[in-house]
PDB file of all heavy atoms in Angstrom:
ATOM      1  N   ARG A   1     278.378  79.401 104.158  1.00  0.00           N
ATOM      2  CA  ARG A   1     279.058  80.531 104.770  1.00  0.00           C
ATOM      3  C   ARG A   1     278.315  81.045 105.998  1.00  0.00           C
ATOM      4  O   ARG A   1     278.892  81.482 106.965  1.00  0.00           O
ATOM      5  CB  ARG A   1     279.197  81.636 103.712  1.00  0.00           C
ATOM      6  CG  ARG A   1     279.789  82.917 104.226  1.00  0.00           C
ATOM      7  CD  ARG A   1     281.175  82.671 104.836  1.00  0.00           C
ATOM      8  NE  ARG A   1     281.636  83.871 105.469  1.00  0.00           N
ATOM      9  CZ  ARG A   1     281.245  84.308 106.645  1.00  0.00           C
ATOM     10  NH1 ARG A   1     280.344  83.637 107.318  1.00  0.00           N
ATOM     11  NH2 ARG A   1     281.729  85.411 107.160  1.00  0.00           N
ATOM     12  N   SER A   2     276.983  81.016 105.972  1.00  0.00           N
ATOM     13  CA  SER A   2     276.188  81.436 107.119  1.00  0.00           C
ATOM     14  C   SER A   2     275.268  80.298 107.540  1.00  0.00           C
ATOM     15  O   SER A   2     274.869  79.473 106.729  1.00  0.00           O
ATOM     16  CB  SER A   2     275.336  82.669 106.787  1.00  0.00           C
ATOM     17  OG  SER A   2     276.104  83.832 106.794  1.00  0.00           O
ATOM     18  N   ILE A   3     274.931  80.258 108.813  1.00  0.00           N
ATOM     19  CA  ILE A   3     274.054  79.223 109.335  1.00  0.00           C
ATOM     20  C   ILE A   3     272.652  79.449 108.782  1.00  0.00           C
ATOM     21  O   ILE A   3     272.088  80.527 108.907  1.00  0.00           O
ATOM     22  CB  ILE A   3     274.031  79.256 110.874  1.00  0.00           C
ATOM     23  CG1 ILE A   3     275.429  78.944 111.415  1.00  0.00           C
ATOM     24  CG2 ILE A   3     273.003  78.298 111.435  1.00  0.00           C
ATOM     25  CD1 ILE A   3     275.556  79.166 112.904  1.00  0.00           C
ATOM     26  N   VAL A   4     272.067  78.411 108.161  1.00  0.00           N
ATOM     27  CA  VAL A   4     270.724  78.499 107.604  1.00  0.00           C
ATOM     28  C   VAL A   4     269.803  77.650 108.451  1.00  0.00           C
ATOM     29  O   VAL A   4     270.075  76.489 108.726  1.00  0.00           O
ATOM     30  CB  VAL A   4     270.695  78.021 106.139  1.00  0.00           C
ATOM     31  CG1 VAL A   4     269.291  78.119 105.573  1.00  0.00           C
ATOM     32  CG2 VAL A   4     271.653  78.842 105.304  1.00  0.00           C
ATOM     33  N   SER A   5     268.686  78.213 108.885  1.00  0.00           N
ATOM     34  CA  SER A   5     267.750  77.513 109.747  1.00  0.00           C
ATOM     35  C   SER A   5     266.345  78.018 109.464  1.00  0.00           C
ATOM     36  O   SER A   5     266.159  79.190 109.138  1.00  0.00           O
ATOM     37  CB  SER A   5     268.105  77.773 111.217  1.00  0.00           C
ATOM     38  OG  SER A   5     267.046  77.374 112.070  1.00  0.00           O
ATOM     39  N   PRO A   6     265.322  77.164 109.580  1.00  0.00           N
ATOM     40  CA  PRO A   6     263.946  77.634 109.407  1.00  0.00           C
ATOM     41  C   PRO A   6     263.454  78.459 110.582  1.00  0.00           C
ATOM     42  O   PRO A   6     262.376  79.016 110.538  1.00  0.00           O
ATOM     43  CB  PRO A   6     263.144  76.324 109.284  1.00  0.00           C
ATOM     44  CG  PRO A   6     263.954  75.324 110.055  1.00  0.00           C
ATOM     45  CD  PRO A   6     265.391  75.716 109.817  1.00  0.00           C
ATOM     46  N   ILE A   7     264.240  78.549 111.654  1.00  0.00           N
ATOM     47  CA  ILE A   7     263.838  79.331 112.822  1.00  0.00           C
ATOM     48  C   ILE A   7     264.131  80.802 112.570  1.00  0.00           C
ATOM     49  O   ILE A   7     265.259  81.177 112.283  1.00  0.00           O
ATOM     50  CB  ILE A   7     264.587  78.856 114.085  1.00  0.00           C
ATOM     51  CG1 ILE A   7     264.312  77.365 114.331  1.00  0.00           C
ATOM     52  CG2 ILE A   7     264.189  79.680 115.295  1.00  0.00           C
ATOM     53  CD1 ILE A   7     265.144  76.779 115.445  1.00  0.00           C
ATOM     54  N   SER A   8     263.094  81.638 112.681  1.00  0.00           N
ATOM     55  CA  SER A   8     263.272  83.067 112.440  1.00  0.00           C
ATOM     56  C   SER A   8     264.265  83.641 113.432  1.00  0.00           C
ATOM     57  O   SER A   8     264.207  83.358 114.624  1.00  0.00           O
ATOM     58  CB  SER A   8     261.925  83.784 112.587  1.00  0.00           C
ATOM     59  OG  SER A   8     262.084  85.168 112.448  1.00  0.00           O
ATOM     60  N   GLY A   9     265.220  84.450 112.939  1.00  0.00           N
ATOM     61  CA  GLY A   9     266.172  85.113 113.822  1.00  0.00           C
ATOM     62  C   GLY A   9     267.476  84.382 113.995  1.00  0.00           C
ATOM     63  O   GLY A   9     268.201  84.644 114.941  1.00  0.00           O
ATOM     64  N   THR A  10     267.816  83.428 113.106  1.00  0.00           N
ATOM     65  CA  THR A  10     269.062  82.675 113.252  1.00  0.00           C
ATOM     66  C   THR A  10     270.279  83.568 113.116  1.00  0.00           C
ATOM     67  O   THR A  10     271.227  83.474 113.891  1.00  0.00           O
ATOM     68  CB  THR A  10     269.120  81.549 112.205  1.00  0.00           C
ATOM     69  OG1 THR A  10     267.998  80.686 112.432  1.00  0.00           O
ATOM     70  CG2 THR A  10     270.395  80.749 112.339  1.00  0.00           C
ATOM     71  N   THR A  11     270.289  84.447 112.109  1.00  0.00           N
ATOM     72  CA  THR A  11     271.426  85.350 111.922  1.00  0.00           C
ATOM     73  C   THR A  11     271.235  86.564 112.823  1.00  0.00           C
ATOM     74  O   THR A  11     270.304  87.332 112.643  1.00  0.00           O
ATOM     75  CB  THR A  11     271.536  85.803 110.457  1.00  0.00           C
ATOM     76  OG1 THR A  11     271.709  84.653 109.637  1.00  0.00           O
ATOM     77  CG2 THR A  11     272.730  86.731 110.269  1.00  0.00           C
ATOM     78  N   ARG A  12     272.120  86.723 113.793  1.00  0.00           N
ATOM     79  CA  ARG A  12     271.983  87.823 114.745  1.00  0.00           C
ATOM     80  C   ARG A  12     272.946  88.956 114.477  1.00  0.00           C
ATOM     81  O   ARG A  12     272.650  90.103 114.772  1.00  0.00           O
ATOM     82  CB  ARG A  12     272.193  87.309 116.171  1.00  0.00           C
ATOM     83  CG  ARG A  12     271.105  86.344 116.615  1.00  0.00           C
ATOM     84  CD  ARG A  12     271.288  86.012 118.084  1.00  0.00           C
ATOM     85  NE  ARG A  12     270.174  85.208 118.569  1.00  0.00           N
ATOM     86  CZ  ARG A  12     270.011  84.864 119.834  1.00  0.00           C
ATOM     87  NH1 ARG A  12     270.889  85.253 120.741  1.00  0.00           N
ATOM     88  NH2 ARG A  12     268.984  84.141 120.213  1.00  0.00           N
ATOM     89  N   ASP A  13     274.116  88.662 113.955  1.00  0.00           N
ATOM     90  CA  ASP A  13     275.100  89.694 113.715  1.00  0.00           C
ATOM     91  C   ASP A  13     275.206  89.953 112.221  1.00  0.00           C
ATOM     92  O   ASP A  13     274.713  89.182 111.419  1.00  0.00           O
ATOM     93  CB  ASP A  13     276.472  89.247 114.245  1.00  0.00           C
ATOM     94  CG  ASP A  13     277.188  90.382 114.953  1.00  0.00           C
ATOM     95  OD1 ASP A  13     276.884  91.544 114.644  1.00  0.00           O
ATOM     96  OD2 ASP A  13     278.057  90.088 115.793  1.00  0.00           O
ATOM     97  N   ALA A  14     275.820  91.070 111.850  1.00  0.00           N
ATOM     98  CA  ALA A  14     276.112  91.328 110.448  1.00  0.00           C
ATOM     99  C   ALA A  14     277.364  90.537 110.082  1.00  0.00           C
ATOM    100  O   ALA A  14     278.405  90.688 110.709  1.00  0.00           O
ATOM    101  CB  ALA A  14     276.332  92.825 110.215  1.00  0.00           C
ATOM    102  N   ILE A  15     277.257  89.654 109.083  1.00  0.00           N
ATOM    103  CA  ILE A  15     278.321  88.710 108.751  1.00  0.00           C
ATOM    104  C   ILE A  15     278.983  89.136 107.454  1.00  0.00           C
ATOM    105  O   ILE A  15     278.331  89.251 106.427  1.00  0.00           O
ATOM    106  CB  ILE A  15     277.747  87.291 108.582  1.00  0.00           C
ATOM    107  CG1 ILE A  15     276.848  86.928 109.777  1.00  0.00           C
ATOM    108  CG2 ILE A  15     278.868  86.284 108.421  1.00  0.00           C
ATOM    109  CD1 ILE A  15     277.523  86.995 111.108  1.00  0.00           C
ATOM    110  N   ASP A  16     280.289  89.374 107.474  1.00  0.00           N
ATOM    111  CA  ASP A  16     281.037  89.763 106.281  1.00  0.00           C
ATOM    112  C   ASP A  16     281.694  88.546 105.642  1.00  0.00           C
ATOM    113  O   ASP A  16     282.256  87.701 106.326  1.00  0.00           O
ATOM    114  CB  ASP A  16     282.133  90.776 106.633  1.00  0.00           C
ATOM    115  CG  ASP A  16     281.555  92.155 106.934  1.00  0.00           C
ATOM    116  OD1 ASP A  16     280.361  92.225 107.236  1.00  0.00           O
ATOM    117  OD2 ASP A  16     282.311  93.133 106.869  1.00  0.00           O
ATOM    118  N   MET A  17     281.620  88.501 104.323  1.00  0.00           N
ATOM    119  CA  MET A  17     282.257  87.428 103.569  1.00  0.00           C
ATOM    120  C   MET A  17     282.969  88.038 102.368  1.00  0.00           C
ATOM    121  O   MET A  17     282.356  88.801 101.621  1.00  0.00           O
ATOM    122  CB  MET A  17     281.204  86.422 103.095  1.00  0.00           C
ATOM    123  CG  MET A  17     281.713  85.381 102.110  1.00  0.00           C
ATOM    124  SD  MET A  17     282.956  84.307 102.851  1.00  0.00           S
ATOM    125  CE  MET A  17     283.248  83.165 101.516  1.00  0.00           C
ATOM    126  N   ILE A  18     284.241  87.736 102.202  1.00  0.00           N
ATOM    127  CA  ILE A  18     285.007  88.241 101.063  1.00  0.00           C
ATOM    128  C   ILE A  18     284.921  87.228  99.926  1.00  0.00           C
ATOM    129  O   ILE A  18     285.252  86.061 100.102  1.00  0.00           O
ATOM    130  CB  ILE A  18     286.479  88.483 101.445  1.00  0.00           C
ATOM    131  CG1 ILE A  18     286.559  89.408 102.663  1.00  0.00           C
ATOM    132  CG2 ILE A  18     287.236  89.068 100.264  1.00  0.00           C
ATOM    133  CD1 ILE A  18     285.958  90.772 102.456  1.00  0.00           C
ATOM    134  N   VAL A  19     284.464  87.683  98.760  1.00  0.00           N
ATOM    135  CA  VAL A  19     284.327  86.829  97.586  1.00  0.00           C
ATOM    136  C   VAL A  19     285.064  87.489  96.425  1.00  0.00           C
ATOM    137  O   VAL A  19     284.938  88.700  96.212  1.00  0.00           O
ATOM    138  CB  VAL A  19     282.843  86.627  97.210  1.00  0.00           C
ATOM    139  CG1 VAL A  19     282.711  85.858  95.900  1.00  0.00           C
ATOM    140  CG2 VAL A  19     282.115  85.897  98.327  1.00  0.00           C
ATOM    141  N   THR A  20     285.833  86.706  95.692  1.00  0.00           N
ATOM    142  CA  THR A  20     286.567  87.213  94.535  1.00  0.00           C
ATOM    143  C   THR A  20     286.025  86.565  93.275  1.00  0.00           C
ATOM    144  O   THR A  20     285.833  85.343  93.225  1.00  0.00           O
ATOM    145  CB  THR A  20     288.072  86.928  94.669  1.00  0.00           C
ATOM    146  OG1 THR A  20     288.555  87.550  95.860  1.00  0.00           O
ATOM    147  CG2 THR A  20     288.837  87.496  93.483  1.00  0.00           C
ATOM    148  N   ARG A  21     285.772  87.393  92.252  1.00  0.00           N
ATOM    149  CA  ARG A  21     285.342  86.890  90.944  1.00  0.00           C
ATOM    150  C   ARG A  21     286.139  87.635  89.880  1.00  0.00           C
ATOM    151  O   ARG A  21     285.951  88.832  89.690  1.00  0.00           O
ATOM    152  CB  ARG A  21     283.846  87.102  90.732  1.00  0.00           C
ATOM    153  CG  ARG A  21     283.314  86.419  89.485  1.00  0.00           C
ATOM    154  CD  ARG A  21     281.839  86.645  89.303  1.00  0.00           C
ATOM    155  NE  ARG A  21     281.520  88.011  88.994  1.00  0.00           N
ATOM    156  CZ  ARG A  21     280.445  88.405  88.314  1.00  0.00           C
ATOM    157  NH1 ARG A  21     279.581  87.506  87.887  1.00  0.00           N
ATOM    158  NH2 ARG A  21     280.216  89.674  88.091  1.00  0.00           N
ATOM    159  N   GLY A  22     287.045  86.925  89.211  1.00  0.00           N
ATOM    160  CA  GLY A  22     287.943  87.587  88.268  1.00  0.00           C
ATOM    161  C   GLY A  22     288.842  88.552  89.019  1.00  0.00           C
ATOM    162  O   GLY A  22     289.482  88.194  90.006  1.00  0.00           O
ATOM    163  N   ASP A  23     288.874  89.812  88.558  1.00  0.00           N
ATOM    164  CA  ASP A  23     289.689  90.816  89.229  1.00  0.00           C
ATOM    165  C   ASP A  23     288.859  91.688  90.168  1.00  0.00           C
ATOM    166  O   ASP A  23     289.330  92.714  90.645  1.00  0.00           O
ATOM    167  CB  ASP A  23     290.407  91.701  88.196  1.00  0.00           C
ATOM    168  CG  ASP A  23     289.423  92.424  87.276  1.00  0.00           C
ATOM    169  OD1 ASP A  23     288.207  92.133  87.356  1.00  0.00           O
ATOM    170  OD2 ASP A  23     289.871  93.264  86.471  1.00  0.00           O
ATOM    171  N   ARG A  24     287.622  91.287  90.459  1.00  0.00           N
ATOM    172  CA  ARG A  24     286.722  92.071  91.295  1.00  0.00           C
ATOM    173  C   ARG A  24     286.516  91.382  92.634  1.00  0.00           C
ATOM    174  O   ARG A  24     286.319  90.168  92.689  1.00  0.00           O
ATOM    175  CB  ARG A  24     285.384  92.240  90.559  1.00  0.00           C
ATOM    176  CG  ARG A  24     284.374  93.152  91.239  1.00  0.00           C
ATOM    177  CD  ARG A  24     284.827  94.585  91.293  1.00  0.00           C
ATOM    178  NE  ARG A  24     285.072  95.175  89.993  1.00  0.00           N
ATOM    179  CZ  ARG A  24     284.134  95.728  89.214  1.00  0.00           C
ATOM    180  NH1 ARG A  24     282.872  95.719  89.578  1.00  0.00           N
ATOM    181  NH2 ARG A  24     284.475  96.292  88.080  1.00  0.00           N
ATOM    182  N   THR A  25     286.592  92.154  93.716  1.00  0.00           N
ATOM    183  CA  THR A  25     286.396  91.623  95.060  1.00  0.00           C
ATOM    184  C   THR A  25     285.126  92.207  95.663  1.00  0.00           C
ATOM    185  O   THR A  25     284.875  93.406  95.559  1.00  0.00           O
ATOM    186  CB  THR A  25     287.597  91.959  95.969  1.00  0.00           C
ATOM    187  OG1 THR A  25     288.777  91.388  95.408  1.00  0.00           O
ATOM    188  CG2 THR A  25     287.396  91.390  97.369  1.00  0.00           C
ATOM    189  N   TYR A  26     284.344  91.353  96.306  1.00  0.00           N
ATOM    190  CA  TYR A  26     283.090  91.765  96.927  1.00  0.00           C
ATOM    191  C   TYR A  26     283.145  91.431  98.418  1.00  0.00           C
ATOM    192  O   TYR A  26     283.622  90.370  98.802  1.00  0.00           O
ATOM    193  CB  TYR A  26     281.901  91.034  96.308  1.00  0.00           C
ATOM    194  CG  TYR A  26     281.835  91.106  94.800  1.00  0.00           C
ATOM    195  CD1 TYR A  26     282.563  90.198  94.012  1.00  0.00           C
ATOM    196  CD2 TYR A  26     281.064  92.059  94.159  1.00  0.00           C
ATOM    197  CE1 TYR A  26     282.514  90.249  92.634  1.00  0.00           C
ATOM    198  CE2 TYR A  26     281.007  92.115  92.773  1.00  0.00           C
ATOM    199  CZ  TYR A  26     281.733  91.203  92.019  1.00  0.00           C
ATOM    200  OH  TYR A  26     281.686  91.261  90.649  1.00  0.00           O
ATOM    201  N   ARG A  27     282.632  92.347  99.220  1.00  0.00           N
ATOM    202  CA  ARG A  27     282.421  92.062 100.643  1.00  0.00           C
ATOM    203  C   ARG A  27     280.911  91.900 100.830  1.00  0.00           C
ATOM    204  O   ARG A  27     280.156  92.873 100.802  1.00  0.00           O
ATOM    205  CB  ARG A  27     282.951  93.187 101.528  1.00  0.00           C
ATOM    206  CG  ARG A  27     282.690  92.959 103.022  1.00  0.00           C
ATOM    207  CD  ARG A  27     283.202  94.132 103.853  1.00  0.00           C
ATOM    208  NE  ARG A  27     284.644  94.193 103.797  1.00  0.00           N
ATOM    209  CZ  ARG A  27     285.456  93.567 104.635  1.00  0.00           C
ATOM    210  NH1 ARG A  27     284.957  92.816 105.604  1.00  0.00           N
ATOM    211  NH2 ARG A  27     286.754  93.680 104.520  1.00  0.00           N
ATOM    212  N   LEU A  28     280.467  90.654 101.014  1.00  0.00           N
ATOM    213  CA  LEU A  28     279.051  90.360 101.189  1.00  0.00           C
ATOM    214  C   LEU A  28     278.713  90.394 102.674  1.00  0.00           C
ATOM    215  O   LEU A  28     279.368  89.734 103.482  1.00  0.00           O
ATOM    216  CB  LEU A  28     278.715  88.995 100.592  1.00  0.00           C
ATOM    217  CG  LEU A  28     279.054  88.816  99.106  1.00  0.00           C
ATOM    218  CD1 LEU A  28     278.686  87.413  98.648  1.00  0.00           C
ATOM    219  CD2 LEU A  28     278.334  89.847  98.251  1.00  0.00           C
ATOM    220  N   ILE A  29     277.692  91.148 103.025  1.00  0.00           N
ATOM    221  CA  ILE A  29     277.331  91.353 104.429  1.00  0.00           C
ATOM    222  C   ILE A  29     275.931  90.795 104.652  1.00  0.00           C
ATOM    223  O   ILE A  29     274.936  91.385 104.226  1.00  0.00           O
ATOM    224  CB  ILE A  29     277.355  92.849 104.803  1.00  0.00           C
ATOM    225  CG1 ILE A  29     278.661  93.508 104.336  1.00  0.00           C
ATOM    226  CG2 ILE A  29     277.158  93.039 106.299  1.00  0.00           C
ATOM    227  CD1 ILE A  29     278.611  95.025 104.345  1.00  0.00           C
ATOM    228  N   ASP A  30     275.842  89.630 105.304  1.00  0.00           N
ATOM    229  CA  ASP A  30     274.549  89.052 105.677  1.00  0.00           C
ATOM    230  C   ASP A  30     274.121  89.694 106.990  1.00  0.00           C
ATOM    231  O   ASP A  30     274.944  89.930 107.880  1.00  0.00           O
ATOM    232  CB  ASP A  30     274.696  87.536 105.827  1.00  0.00           C
ATOM    233  CG  ASP A  30     273.352  86.849 106.007  1.00  0.00           C
ATOM    234  OD1 ASP A  30     272.315  87.473 105.714  1.00  0.00           O
ATOM    235  OD2 ASP A  30     273.335  85.683 106.427  1.00  0.00           O
ATOM    236  N   THR A  31     272.836  89.977 107.122  1.00  0.00           N
ATOM    237  CA  THR A  31     272.357  90.701 108.301  1.00  0.00           C
ATOM    238  C   THR A  31     271.162  89.995 108.921  1.00  0.00           C
ATOM    239  O   THR A  31     270.520  89.148 108.305  1.00  0.00           O
ATOM    240  CB  THR A  31     271.934  92.138 107.937  1.00  0.00           C
ATOM    241  OG1 THR A  31     270.860  92.084 106.987  1.00  0.00           O
ATOM    242  CG2 THR A  31     273.092  92.915 107.350  1.00  0.00           C
ATOM    243  N   ALA A  32     270.856  90.396 110.152  1.00  0.00           N
ATOM    244  CA  ALA A  32     269.673  89.881 110.826  1.00  0.00           C
ATOM    245  C   ALA A  32     268.418  90.368 110.109  1.00  0.00           C
ATOM    246  O   ALA A  32     268.384  91.472 109.574  1.00  0.00           O
ATOM    247  CB  ALA A  32     269.653  90.359 112.282  1.00  0.00           C
ATOM    248  N   GLY A  33     267.373  89.531 110.117  1.00  0.00           N
ATOM    249  CA  GLY A  33     266.089  89.953 109.573  1.00  0.00           C
ATOM    250  C   GLY A  33     265.531  91.115 110.378  1.00  0.00           C
ATOM    251  O   GLY A  33     265.571  91.112 111.606  1.00  0.00           O
ATOM    252  N   ILE A  34     265.016  92.126 109.692  1.00  0.00           N
ATOM    253  CA  ILE A  34     264.552  93.339 110.358  1.00  0.00           C
ATOM    254  C   ILE A  34     263.032  93.280 110.519  1.00  0.00           C
ATOM    255  O   ILE A  34     262.288  93.317 109.540  1.00  0.00           O
ATOM    256  CB  ILE A  34     264.976  94.590 109.570  1.00  0.00           C
ATOM    257  CG1 ILE A  34     266.502  94.600 109.415  1.00  0.00           C
ATOM    258  CG2 ILE A  34     264.497  95.854 110.274  1.00  0.00           C
ATOM    259  CD1 ILE A  34     267.025  95.709 108.543  1.00  0.00           C
ATOM    260  N   ARG A  35     262.582  93.169 111.769  1.00  0.00           N
ATOM    261  CA  ARG A  35     261.155  93.097 112.059  1.00  0.00           C
ATOM    262  C   ARG A  35     260.618  94.476 112.434  1.00  0.00           C
ATOM    263  O   ARG A  35     261.358  95.435 112.590  1.00  0.00           O
ATOM    264  CB  ARG A  35     260.899  92.130 113.216  1.00  0.00           C
ATOM    265  CG  ARG A  35     261.320  90.696 112.925  1.00  0.00           C
ATOM    266  CD  ARG A  35     260.726  89.753 113.942  1.00  0.00           C
ATOM    267  NE  ARG A  35     261.247  89.987 115.287  1.00  0.00           N
ATOM    268  CZ  ARG A  35     260.725  89.453 116.387  1.00  0.00           C
ATOM    269  NH1 ARG A  35     259.660  88.688 116.315  1.00  0.00           N
ATOM    270  NH2 ARG A  35     261.263  89.691 117.571  1.00  0.00           N
TER     271      ARG A  35
END
């Protein structure tokens, strides 16, 4: 779902992902590493 890289700082924006499990919905937000 998100680009994975050993280079620090790959994820620059906050990334939303909608995931459903049973009758529950989750919005997963991947974010940039905070230095």
